[in-house]
N, C-alpha and C. Protein backbone atom coordinates (compact mmCIF):
# COMPACT_ATOMS: atom_id res chain seq x y z
N MET A 1 130.78 129.92 -147.70
CA MET A 1 130.86 128.97 -146.58
C MET A 1 132.32 128.67 -146.24
N VAL A 2 132.55 128.41 -144.98
CA VAL A 2 133.87 128.01 -144.50
C VAL A 2 133.76 126.57 -144.01
N GLU A 3 134.67 125.72 -144.44
CA GLU A 3 134.64 124.33 -144.02
C GLU A 3 135.74 124.07 -142.99
N ILE A 4 135.33 123.57 -141.82
CA ILE A 4 136.25 123.19 -140.76
C ILE A 4 135.87 121.79 -140.31
N ASP A 5 136.79 120.85 -140.48
CA ASP A 5 136.50 119.46 -140.15
C ASP A 5 135.25 119.02 -140.92
N ASP A 6 134.23 118.55 -140.21
CA ASP A 6 133.00 118.13 -140.87
C ASP A 6 131.89 119.18 -140.72
N LYS A 7 132.29 120.45 -140.55
CA LYS A 7 131.33 121.54 -140.38
C LYS A 7 131.40 122.50 -141.56
N LEU A 8 130.25 122.89 -142.08
CA LEU A 8 130.13 123.93 -143.09
C LEU A 8 129.53 125.15 -142.41
N ILE A 9 130.27 126.26 -142.41
CA ILE A 9 129.91 127.42 -141.60
C ILE A 9 129.62 128.62 -142.49
N SER A 10 128.47 129.21 -142.30
CA SER A 10 128.11 130.40 -143.07
C SER A 10 129.09 131.54 -142.80
N ASP A 11 129.43 132.27 -143.86
CA ASP A 11 130.31 133.44 -143.71
C ASP A 11 129.72 134.46 -142.74
N ASP A 12 128.39 134.47 -142.62
CA ASP A 12 127.73 135.45 -141.75
C ASP A 12 128.20 135.34 -140.30
N LEU A 13 128.58 134.15 -139.87
CA LEU A 13 129.02 133.99 -138.49
C LEU A 13 130.31 134.75 -138.21
N PHE A 14 131.09 134.99 -139.28
CA PHE A 14 132.35 135.73 -139.15
C PHE A 14 132.19 137.21 -139.52
N GLU A 15 131.10 137.53 -140.20
CA GLU A 15 130.93 138.89 -140.72
C GLU A 15 129.90 139.72 -139.95
N LYS A 16 128.81 139.09 -139.52
CA LYS A 16 127.74 139.82 -138.83
C LYS A 16 128.11 140.04 -137.36
N ARG A 17 127.51 141.10 -136.80
CA ARG A 17 127.69 141.41 -135.39
C ARG A 17 126.40 141.12 -134.63
N PHE A 18 126.55 140.63 -133.37
CA PHE A 18 125.35 140.23 -132.63
C PHE A 18 125.67 140.14 -131.14
N VAL A 19 124.88 140.81 -130.33
CA VAL A 19 124.92 140.68 -128.86
C VAL A 19 123.49 140.83 -128.36
N CYS A 20 122.96 139.82 -127.71
CA CYS A 20 121.58 139.87 -127.23
C CYS A 20 121.35 141.12 -126.37
N ASP A 21 120.23 141.79 -126.63
CA ASP A 21 119.83 142.96 -125.86
C ASP A 21 118.48 142.66 -125.25
N LEU A 22 118.50 141.90 -124.16
CA LEU A 22 117.27 141.40 -123.56
C LEU A 22 116.35 142.52 -123.10
N ALA A 23 116.94 143.63 -122.68
CA ALA A 23 116.11 144.76 -122.24
C ALA A 23 115.27 145.32 -123.38
N ALA A 24 115.78 145.19 -124.61
CA ALA A 24 115.07 145.72 -125.77
C ALA A 24 114.09 144.72 -126.37
N CYS A 25 114.51 143.45 -126.48
CA CYS A 25 113.67 142.47 -127.18
C CYS A 25 112.72 141.72 -126.24
N LYS A 26 112.99 141.74 -124.94
CA LYS A 26 112.16 141.06 -123.94
C LYS A 26 112.08 139.55 -124.17
N GLY A 27 113.12 138.99 -124.80
CA GLY A 27 113.12 137.54 -125.00
C GLY A 27 112.11 137.08 -126.03
N ALA A 28 111.92 137.88 -127.06
CA ALA A 28 110.88 137.58 -128.06
C ALA A 28 111.09 136.26 -128.77
N CYS A 29 112.33 135.77 -128.85
CA CYS A 29 112.59 134.52 -129.56
C CYS A 29 111.96 133.32 -128.83
N CYS A 30 111.61 133.49 -127.55
CA CYS A 30 110.92 132.42 -126.82
C CYS A 30 109.42 132.43 -127.08
N VAL A 31 108.95 133.50 -127.72
CA VAL A 31 107.51 133.71 -127.90
C VAL A 31 107.10 133.65 -129.36
N GLU A 32 107.87 134.29 -130.23
CA GLU A 32 107.50 134.38 -131.64
C GLU A 32 107.83 133.08 -132.38
N GLY A 33 107.21 132.91 -133.53
CA GLY A 33 107.48 131.74 -134.36
C GLY A 33 106.31 130.78 -134.38
N ASP A 34 106.37 129.81 -135.28
CA ASP A 34 105.26 128.88 -135.44
C ASP A 34 105.56 127.48 -134.91
N ALA A 35 106.68 127.31 -134.21
CA ALA A 35 107.04 126.02 -133.63
C ALA A 35 107.95 126.26 -132.44
N GLY A 36 108.08 125.24 -131.60
CA GLY A 36 108.95 125.35 -130.44
C GLY A 36 110.42 125.25 -130.82
N ALA A 37 111.27 125.28 -129.81
CA ALA A 37 112.72 125.19 -130.04
C ALA A 37 113.09 123.78 -130.50
N PRO A 38 113.93 123.66 -131.52
CA PRO A 38 114.36 122.32 -131.98
C PRO A 38 115.07 121.55 -130.87
N LEU A 39 114.80 120.27 -130.81
CA LEU A 39 115.42 119.39 -129.83
C LEU A 39 116.18 118.27 -130.52
N GLU A 40 117.25 117.82 -129.89
CA GLU A 40 117.99 116.68 -130.41
C GLU A 40 117.52 115.41 -129.70
N GLU A 41 117.67 114.30 -130.37
CA GLU A 41 117.17 113.03 -129.84
C GLU A 41 117.68 112.77 -128.42
N GLU A 42 118.97 113.02 -128.20
CA GLU A 42 119.55 112.73 -126.89
C GLU A 42 119.06 113.68 -125.80
N GLU A 43 118.45 114.81 -126.20
CA GLU A 43 117.96 115.77 -125.21
C GLU A 43 116.63 115.34 -124.60
N LEU A 44 115.93 114.42 -125.25
CA LEU A 44 114.64 113.97 -124.74
C LEU A 44 114.81 113.27 -123.40
N GLU A 45 115.80 112.41 -123.31
CA GLU A 45 116.07 111.71 -122.06
C GLU A 45 116.48 112.68 -120.95
N ILE A 46 117.21 113.72 -121.34
CA ILE A 46 117.62 114.73 -120.35
C ILE A 46 116.39 115.45 -119.80
N LEU A 47 115.49 115.85 -120.69
CA LEU A 47 114.26 116.52 -120.25
C LEU A 47 113.47 115.64 -119.30
N ASP A 48 113.38 114.38 -119.64
CA ASP A 48 112.68 113.44 -118.75
C ASP A 48 113.32 113.40 -117.37
N SER A 49 114.66 113.37 -117.34
CA SER A 49 115.38 113.17 -116.07
C SER A 49 115.35 114.41 -115.18
N ILE A 50 115.21 115.61 -115.76
CA ILE A 50 115.24 116.83 -114.95
C ILE A 50 113.86 117.44 -114.73
N TRP A 51 112.83 116.81 -115.24
CA TRP A 51 111.49 117.40 -115.20
C TRP A 51 111.05 117.75 -113.77
N ASP A 52 111.31 116.90 -112.80
CA ASP A 52 110.89 117.17 -111.43
C ASP A 52 111.56 118.43 -110.87
N GLU A 53 112.77 118.72 -111.33
CA GLU A 53 113.49 119.92 -110.87
C GLU A 53 113.00 121.17 -111.60
N VAL A 54 112.60 121.02 -112.85
CA VAL A 54 112.14 122.16 -113.66
C VAL A 54 110.69 122.54 -113.34
N LYS A 55 109.90 121.55 -113.03
CA LYS A 55 108.46 121.75 -112.85
C LYS A 55 108.09 122.89 -111.90
N PRO A 56 108.77 123.06 -110.76
CA PRO A 56 108.39 124.16 -109.85
C PRO A 56 108.57 125.56 -110.45
N TYR A 57 109.35 125.68 -111.50
CA TYR A 57 109.59 126.97 -112.14
C TYR A 57 108.57 127.29 -113.24
N MET A 58 107.75 126.34 -113.55
CA MET A 58 106.83 126.48 -114.69
C MET A 58 105.60 127.32 -114.35
N ARG A 59 105.03 127.95 -115.37
CA ARG A 59 103.74 128.63 -115.24
C ARG A 59 102.61 127.60 -115.40
N PRO A 60 101.44 127.89 -114.87
CA PRO A 60 100.30 126.97 -115.06
C PRO A 60 100.00 126.70 -116.54
N GLU A 61 100.15 127.74 -117.36
CA GLU A 61 99.89 127.56 -118.79
C GLU A 61 100.87 126.57 -119.42
N GLY A 62 102.12 126.65 -119.00
CA GLY A 62 103.12 125.73 -119.51
C GLY A 62 102.88 124.31 -119.04
N LEU A 63 102.51 124.18 -117.77
CA LEU A 63 102.21 122.86 -117.23
C LEU A 63 101.03 122.23 -117.96
N LYS A 64 100.04 123.03 -118.27
CA LYS A 64 98.86 122.54 -118.99
C LYS A 64 99.25 122.05 -120.39
N ALA A 65 100.10 122.83 -121.08
CA ALA A 65 100.52 122.45 -122.43
C ALA A 65 101.30 121.13 -122.40
N ILE A 66 102.15 120.97 -121.40
CA ILE A 66 102.94 119.75 -121.30
C ILE A 66 102.08 118.56 -120.89
N ALA A 67 101.07 118.82 -120.06
CA ALA A 67 100.15 117.75 -119.70
C ALA A 67 99.40 117.24 -120.93
N GLU A 68 99.17 118.13 -121.89
CA GLU A 68 98.42 117.77 -123.09
C GLU A 68 99.30 117.12 -124.17
N THR A 69 100.55 117.59 -124.30
CA THR A 69 101.40 117.13 -125.41
C THR A 69 102.62 116.33 -124.98
N GLY A 70 103.01 116.43 -123.70
CA GLY A 70 104.25 115.80 -123.25
C GLY A 70 105.36 116.83 -123.17
N LEU A 71 106.54 116.39 -122.73
CA LEU A 71 107.67 117.30 -122.54
C LEU A 71 108.26 117.78 -123.87
N TYR A 72 107.91 117.14 -124.96
CA TYR A 72 108.36 117.53 -126.29
C TYR A 72 107.28 117.17 -127.28
N ALA A 73 107.40 117.72 -128.47
CA ALA A 73 106.36 117.53 -129.49
C ALA A 73 107.01 117.40 -130.85
N LEU A 74 106.18 117.20 -131.88
CA LEU A 74 106.63 117.17 -133.26
C LEU A 74 106.02 118.35 -134.00
N ASP A 75 106.83 119.07 -134.78
CA ASP A 75 106.30 120.19 -135.55
C ASP A 75 105.70 119.70 -136.87
N HIS A 76 105.38 120.65 -137.75
CA HIS A 76 104.73 120.29 -139.02
C HIS A 76 105.62 119.42 -139.90
N ASP A 77 106.92 119.52 -139.71
CA ASP A 77 107.87 118.72 -140.49
C ASP A 77 108.27 117.43 -139.77
N ARG A 78 107.55 117.14 -138.69
CA ARG A 78 107.82 115.94 -137.89
C ARG A 78 109.20 115.99 -137.22
N GLU A 79 109.63 117.22 -136.92
CA GLU A 79 110.89 117.41 -136.20
C GLU A 79 110.59 117.62 -134.71
N LEU A 80 111.49 117.15 -133.85
CA LEU A 80 111.32 117.29 -132.41
C LEU A 80 111.49 118.74 -131.97
N VAL A 81 110.54 119.22 -131.17
CA VAL A 81 110.57 120.60 -130.68
C VAL A 81 109.97 120.65 -129.28
N THR A 82 110.17 121.78 -128.61
CA THR A 82 109.48 122.00 -127.33
C THR A 82 108.01 122.34 -127.62
N PRO A 83 107.10 121.99 -126.72
CA PRO A 83 105.67 122.32 -126.93
C PRO A 83 105.45 123.83 -126.84
N LEU A 84 104.30 124.26 -127.37
CA LEU A 84 103.91 125.66 -127.30
C LEU A 84 102.67 125.83 -126.43
N VAL A 85 102.47 127.03 -125.93
CA VAL A 85 101.25 127.38 -125.21
C VAL A 85 100.31 128.07 -126.18
N ASP A 86 99.23 127.41 -126.53
CA ASP A 86 98.23 127.97 -127.45
C ASP A 86 98.86 128.48 -128.75
N GLY A 87 99.87 127.75 -129.24
CA GLY A 87 100.50 128.13 -130.50
C GLY A 87 101.37 129.36 -130.42
N LYS A 88 101.70 129.79 -129.20
CA LYS A 88 102.49 131.01 -129.03
C LYS A 88 103.84 130.69 -128.39
N GLU A 89 104.03 131.10 -127.12
CA GLU A 89 105.34 130.93 -126.51
C GLU A 89 105.66 129.47 -126.19
N CYS A 90 106.96 129.20 -126.08
CA CYS A 90 107.43 127.89 -125.66
C CYS A 90 106.83 127.56 -124.29
N ALA A 91 106.44 126.31 -124.10
CA ALA A 91 105.82 125.91 -122.84
C ALA A 91 106.73 126.12 -121.64
N TYR A 92 108.04 126.12 -121.86
CA TYR A 92 108.99 126.29 -120.76
C TYR A 92 109.27 127.76 -120.44
N THR A 93 108.56 128.66 -121.13
CA THR A 93 108.76 130.09 -120.92
C THR A 93 108.07 130.56 -119.65
N THR A 94 108.76 131.41 -118.90
CA THR A 94 108.17 132.14 -117.79
C THR A 94 108.32 133.63 -118.12
N PHE A 95 107.67 134.48 -117.35
CA PHE A 95 107.75 135.91 -117.61
C PHE A 95 108.07 136.66 -116.32
N SER A 96 109.03 137.58 -116.41
CA SER A 96 109.36 138.42 -115.26
C SER A 96 108.31 139.51 -115.11
N ALA A 97 108.44 140.30 -114.06
CA ALA A 97 107.45 141.34 -113.78
C ALA A 97 107.32 142.35 -114.92
N ASP A 98 108.41 142.60 -115.65
CA ASP A 98 108.35 143.58 -116.74
C ASP A 98 107.99 142.93 -118.08
N GLY A 99 107.60 141.66 -118.05
CA GLY A 99 107.17 140.99 -119.28
C GLY A 99 108.28 140.33 -120.07
N THR A 100 109.50 140.29 -119.52
CA THR A 100 110.60 139.65 -120.23
C THR A 100 110.48 138.13 -120.12
N ALA A 101 110.59 137.46 -121.28
CA ALA A 101 110.51 136.00 -121.31
C ALA A 101 111.77 135.39 -120.73
N ARG A 102 111.59 134.39 -119.90
CA ARG A 102 112.69 133.64 -119.31
C ARG A 102 112.46 132.16 -119.57
N CYS A 103 113.46 131.34 -119.25
CA CYS A 103 113.36 129.90 -119.48
C CYS A 103 113.35 129.16 -118.15
N ALA A 104 112.32 128.37 -117.90
CA ALA A 104 112.23 127.61 -116.65
C ALA A 104 113.38 126.63 -116.52
N ILE A 105 113.79 126.04 -117.64
CA ILE A 105 114.90 125.09 -117.62
C ILE A 105 116.17 125.80 -117.19
N GLU A 106 116.42 126.97 -117.75
CA GLU A 106 117.63 127.72 -117.41
C GLU A 106 117.58 128.24 -115.98
N GLN A 107 116.39 128.62 -115.52
CA GLN A 107 116.26 129.09 -114.14
C GLN A 107 116.63 127.97 -113.16
N ALA A 108 116.17 126.76 -113.44
CA ALA A 108 116.53 125.63 -112.58
C ALA A 108 118.04 125.38 -112.60
N TYR A 109 118.63 125.53 -113.77
CA TYR A 109 120.09 125.35 -113.90
C TYR A 109 120.84 126.42 -113.11
N ARG A 110 120.42 127.67 -113.25
CA ARG A 110 121.10 128.76 -112.55
C ARG A 110 120.99 128.63 -111.04
N ASP A 111 119.92 127.99 -110.58
CA ASP A 111 119.73 127.78 -109.14
C ASP A 111 120.42 126.51 -108.65
N GLY A 112 121.15 125.85 -109.53
CA GLY A 112 121.89 124.67 -109.14
C GLY A 112 121.05 123.41 -109.01
N LYS A 113 119.84 123.42 -109.56
CA LYS A 113 118.97 122.26 -109.45
C LYS A 113 119.31 121.18 -110.49
N THR A 114 119.90 121.60 -111.62
CA THR A 114 120.29 120.66 -112.67
C THR A 114 121.67 121.06 -113.20
N ASP A 115 122.25 120.20 -114.03
CA ASP A 115 123.53 120.53 -114.67
C ASP A 115 123.36 120.70 -116.18
N TRP A 116 122.13 120.94 -116.62
CA TRP A 116 121.83 121.13 -118.04
C TRP A 116 121.17 122.48 -118.23
N ALA A 117 121.81 123.38 -118.96
CA ALA A 117 121.37 124.77 -119.03
C ALA A 117 120.06 124.94 -119.81
N LYS A 118 119.98 124.34 -120.98
CA LYS A 118 118.81 124.45 -121.85
C LYS A 118 119.12 123.73 -123.16
N PRO A 119 118.13 123.55 -124.02
CA PRO A 119 118.40 122.89 -125.30
C PRO A 119 119.51 123.59 -126.08
N ALA A 120 120.32 122.81 -126.78
CA ALA A 120 121.44 123.37 -127.54
C ALA A 120 120.97 124.40 -128.55
N SER A 121 119.81 124.17 -129.17
CA SER A 121 119.33 125.11 -130.20
C SER A 121 119.05 126.48 -129.61
N CYS A 122 118.58 126.53 -128.36
CA CYS A 122 118.33 127.81 -127.69
C CYS A 122 119.65 128.49 -127.33
N HIS A 123 120.58 127.70 -126.82
CA HIS A 123 121.87 128.24 -126.39
C HIS A 123 122.66 128.80 -127.58
N LEU A 124 122.53 128.16 -128.73
CA LEU A 124 123.29 128.55 -129.92
C LEU A 124 122.63 129.68 -130.71
N TYR A 125 121.38 129.97 -130.46
CA TYR A 125 120.68 130.96 -131.29
C TYR A 125 121.39 132.31 -131.26
N PRO A 126 121.58 133.00 -132.42
CA PRO A 126 120.92 132.82 -133.72
C PRO A 126 121.62 131.87 -134.71
N ILE A 127 122.52 131.03 -134.22
CA ILE A 127 123.05 129.99 -135.10
C ILE A 127 122.03 128.85 -135.16
N ARG A 128 121.71 128.42 -136.36
CA ARG A 128 120.87 127.25 -136.56
C ARG A 128 121.75 126.13 -137.10
N VAL A 129 121.69 124.98 -136.47
CA VAL A 129 122.54 123.85 -136.85
C VAL A 129 121.69 122.78 -137.53
N THR A 130 122.16 122.33 -138.68
CA THR A 130 121.49 121.26 -139.41
C THR A 130 122.46 120.11 -139.60
N ARG A 131 121.99 118.91 -139.39
CA ARG A 131 122.83 117.72 -139.57
C ARG A 131 122.54 117.08 -140.91
N LEU A 132 123.55 117.06 -141.80
CA LEU A 132 123.44 116.37 -143.07
C LEU A 132 124.14 115.02 -142.95
N LYS A 133 124.20 114.29 -144.04
CA LYS A 133 124.78 112.94 -144.00
C LYS A 133 126.23 112.97 -143.54
N ASN A 134 127.02 113.86 -144.12
CA ASN A 134 128.46 113.89 -143.82
C ASN A 134 128.93 115.18 -143.16
N HIS A 135 128.01 116.13 -142.94
CA HIS A 135 128.41 117.43 -142.41
C HIS A 135 127.39 117.98 -141.43
N TRP A 136 127.88 118.83 -140.54
CA TRP A 136 127.03 119.75 -139.79
C TRP A 136 127.05 121.06 -140.58
N VAL A 137 125.91 121.74 -140.65
CA VAL A 137 125.83 123.03 -141.31
C VAL A 137 125.41 124.07 -140.28
N LEU A 138 126.22 125.13 -140.15
CA LEU A 138 125.94 126.19 -139.19
C LEU A 138 125.58 127.46 -139.96
N ASN A 139 124.33 127.87 -139.83
CA ASN A 139 123.84 129.07 -140.51
C ASN A 139 123.43 130.13 -139.50
N TYR A 140 123.43 131.36 -139.96
CA TYR A 140 122.99 132.50 -139.14
C TYR A 140 121.54 132.78 -139.47
N HIS A 141 120.68 132.74 -138.46
CA HIS A 141 119.26 133.01 -138.67
C HIS A 141 118.97 134.48 -138.37
N GLN A 142 118.68 135.23 -139.42
CA GLN A 142 118.42 136.65 -139.26
C GLN A 142 116.93 136.89 -139.15
N TRP A 143 116.52 137.60 -138.09
CA TRP A 143 115.10 137.76 -137.79
C TRP A 143 114.88 139.17 -137.29
N GLU A 144 113.79 139.79 -137.69
CA GLU A 144 113.53 141.19 -137.35
C GLU A 144 113.52 141.42 -135.84
N ILE A 145 113.04 140.45 -135.07
CA ILE A 145 112.95 140.65 -133.63
C ILE A 145 114.32 140.77 -132.98
N CYS A 146 115.37 140.36 -133.71
CA CYS A 146 116.73 140.44 -133.17
C CYS A 146 117.46 141.69 -133.66
N SER A 147 116.75 142.63 -134.24
CA SER A 147 117.39 143.88 -134.69
C SER A 147 118.14 144.59 -133.57
N PRO A 148 117.57 144.65 -132.34
CA PRO A 148 118.33 145.27 -131.25
C PRO A 148 119.66 144.58 -130.98
N ALA A 149 119.68 143.25 -131.12
CA ALA A 149 120.91 142.49 -130.90
C ALA A 149 121.95 142.80 -131.98
N CYS A 150 121.47 143.00 -133.20
CA CYS A 150 122.38 143.37 -134.30
C CYS A 150 122.95 144.77 -134.05
N ASP A 151 122.11 145.69 -133.60
CA ASP A 151 122.57 147.05 -133.30
C ASP A 151 123.58 147.02 -132.16
N CYS A 152 123.27 146.23 -131.12
CA CYS A 152 124.17 146.15 -129.97
C CYS A 152 125.49 145.50 -130.37
N GLY A 153 125.42 144.46 -131.18
CA GLY A 153 126.63 143.80 -131.63
C GLY A 153 127.51 144.71 -132.47
N SER A 154 126.86 145.53 -133.31
CA SER A 154 127.62 146.47 -134.13
C SER A 154 128.28 147.53 -133.27
N ALA A 155 127.54 148.02 -132.27
CA ALA A 155 128.10 149.06 -131.39
C ALA A 155 129.29 148.53 -130.60
N LEU A 156 129.22 147.26 -130.19
CA LEU A 156 130.29 146.67 -129.40
C LEU A 156 131.33 145.95 -130.26
N ASP A 157 131.05 145.83 -131.56
CA ASP A 157 131.92 145.16 -132.52
C ASP A 157 132.20 143.71 -132.08
N VAL A 158 131.12 142.96 -131.86
CA VAL A 158 131.23 141.55 -131.47
C VAL A 158 130.62 140.68 -132.57
N LYS A 159 131.43 139.82 -133.13
CA LYS A 159 130.95 138.94 -134.19
C LYS A 159 130.06 137.83 -133.63
N VAL A 160 129.20 137.32 -134.49
CA VAL A 160 128.24 136.30 -134.07
C VAL A 160 128.94 135.13 -133.39
N PHE A 161 129.98 134.59 -134.01
CA PHE A 161 130.61 133.39 -133.46
C PHE A 161 131.29 133.66 -132.12
N ARG A 162 131.75 134.89 -131.91
CA ARG A 162 132.40 135.21 -130.63
C ARG A 162 131.36 135.41 -129.53
N PHE A 163 130.23 135.99 -129.87
CA PHE A 163 129.16 136.12 -128.88
C PHE A 163 128.70 134.75 -128.40
N LEU A 164 128.76 133.76 -129.29
CA LEU A 164 128.28 132.42 -128.99
C LEU A 164 129.41 131.45 -128.68
N LYS A 165 130.52 131.96 -128.19
CA LYS A 165 131.68 131.11 -127.89
C LYS A 165 131.31 129.96 -126.94
N ALA A 166 130.65 130.27 -125.85
CA ALA A 166 130.33 129.24 -124.85
C ALA A 166 129.45 128.13 -125.41
N PRO A 167 128.33 128.45 -126.07
CA PRO A 167 127.52 127.37 -126.63
C PRO A 167 128.19 126.61 -127.77
N ILE A 168 129.04 127.28 -128.55
CA ILE A 168 129.78 126.58 -129.60
C ILE A 168 130.71 125.55 -128.98
N ILE A 169 131.40 125.95 -127.92
CA ILE A 169 132.29 125.00 -127.23
C ILE A 169 131.48 123.89 -126.59
N ARG A 170 130.34 124.22 -126.02
CA ARG A 170 129.47 123.21 -125.42
C ARG A 170 129.06 122.15 -126.44
N LYS A 171 128.73 122.61 -127.65
CA LYS A 171 128.24 121.69 -128.67
C LYS A 171 129.36 120.96 -129.40
N PHE A 172 130.42 121.68 -129.78
CA PHE A 172 131.42 121.10 -130.68
C PHE A 172 132.83 121.01 -130.08
N GLY A 173 133.04 121.60 -128.90
CA GLY A 173 134.34 121.49 -128.25
C GLY A 173 135.24 122.71 -128.46
N ALA A 174 136.19 122.88 -127.54
CA ALA A 174 137.09 124.03 -127.57
C ALA A 174 138.00 124.01 -128.79
N GLY A 175 138.40 122.83 -129.22
CA GLY A 175 139.27 122.72 -130.40
C GLY A 175 138.62 123.27 -131.64
N PHE A 176 137.32 123.00 -131.80
CA PHE A 176 136.60 123.52 -132.97
C PHE A 176 136.51 125.04 -132.90
N TYR A 177 136.23 125.58 -131.70
CA TYR A 177 136.15 127.03 -131.59
C TYR A 177 137.49 127.69 -131.93
N GLU A 178 138.59 127.10 -131.49
CA GLU A 178 139.91 127.64 -131.81
C GLU A 178 140.14 127.67 -133.32
N LYS A 179 139.64 126.66 -134.01
CA LYS A 179 139.76 126.64 -135.47
C LYS A 179 138.90 127.73 -136.11
N MET A 180 137.78 128.05 -135.48
CA MET A 180 136.96 129.17 -135.98
C MET A 180 137.72 130.48 -135.84
N GLU A 181 138.40 130.66 -134.72
CA GLU A 181 139.20 131.87 -134.54
C GLU A 181 140.31 131.96 -135.60
N ALA A 182 140.92 130.82 -135.89
CA ALA A 182 141.98 130.80 -136.91
C ALA A 182 141.40 131.13 -138.27
N ALA A 183 140.22 130.58 -138.57
CA ALA A 183 139.57 130.88 -139.85
C ALA A 183 139.21 132.35 -139.94
N ASN A 184 138.74 132.92 -138.85
CA ASN A 184 138.40 134.33 -138.82
C ASN A 184 139.61 135.20 -139.09
N ALA A 185 140.74 134.86 -138.47
CA ALA A 185 141.97 135.62 -138.68
C ALA A 185 142.39 135.59 -140.14
N LEU A 186 142.25 134.44 -140.76
CA LEU A 186 142.60 134.30 -142.18
C LEU A 186 141.65 135.12 -143.05
N LEU A 187 140.34 135.08 -142.72
CA LEU A 187 139.37 135.85 -143.49
C LEU A 187 139.64 137.35 -143.38
N GLU A 188 139.98 137.81 -142.19
CA GLU A 188 140.28 139.23 -142.00
C GLU A 188 141.53 139.63 -142.78
N LYS A 189 142.48 138.74 -142.84
CA LYS A 189 143.74 139.03 -143.53
C LYS A 189 143.55 139.08 -145.03
N THR A 190 142.70 138.19 -145.55
CA THR A 190 142.51 138.10 -147.00
C THR A 190 141.42 139.02 -147.52
N SER A 191 140.52 139.47 -146.63
CA SER A 191 139.43 140.33 -147.08
C SER A 191 139.26 141.53 -146.15
N PRO A 192 140.27 142.36 -146.00
CA PRO A 192 140.17 143.48 -145.05
C PRO A 192 139.07 144.47 -145.40
N GLN A 193 138.85 144.74 -146.70
CA GLN A 193 137.83 145.68 -147.11
C GLN A 193 136.45 145.17 -146.78
N LYS A 194 136.21 143.87 -147.07
CA LYS A 194 134.91 143.26 -146.78
C LYS A 194 134.65 143.27 -145.29
N GLU A 195 135.69 143.00 -144.48
CA GLU A 195 135.56 142.99 -143.04
C GLU A 195 135.21 144.37 -142.53
N GLN A 196 135.81 145.41 -143.08
CA GLN A 196 135.53 146.78 -142.65
C GLN A 196 134.09 147.14 -142.95
N GLU A 197 133.60 146.78 -144.14
CA GLU A 197 132.23 147.11 -144.53
C GLU A 197 131.22 146.39 -143.65
N SER A 198 131.52 145.14 -143.29
CA SER A 198 130.56 144.36 -142.50
C SER A 198 130.41 144.89 -141.09
N SER A 199 131.41 145.61 -140.58
CA SER A 199 131.36 146.12 -139.22
C SER A 199 130.68 147.47 -139.15
N GLU A 200 130.38 148.07 -140.30
CA GLU A 200 129.72 149.37 -140.31
C GLU A 200 128.23 149.18 -140.03
N PRO A 201 127.61 150.09 -139.25
CA PRO A 201 126.19 149.97 -138.92
C PRO A 201 125.33 149.99 -140.18
């Protein structure tokens, strides 16, 4: 782990390669899993405030799920998450003609209807953030459905934290990201052999 300020960061963020390959995975992370996307307490009010703008982008199935459970739900661990459609995809998921999963919240944002792109947990994925008493913990979530992203990241030689520069800055600020770059430079300098091995397919 690397410690920066009050953040504990998995070495994987500096060592693994990752670039989303939507054409290959079809947005499977919006569909697979046994719970919706994690939500933060302050995001609930945001969802409430933008619902009228997001609603026109929703599928009937998503609207039905939200009518039954609300704009957010609690998972088995009593953690806040987005609702699911019949225990499958996130209620906010839409599908393009080729079956690729999209996000109604993000579609509204891209069309200029809102100024909130999507939940931080979605934007940061595959980084999973946990809040402890005195620290934030940033871990890399490795999942078989993201194998194409790992292959693409390796081919392009893009590290996890660099692929997620924008959401990291959104969540923790530009100063924190700059410190991650500094930490990465130090890690490369002190462990050149390990760095070379991690970049190999």
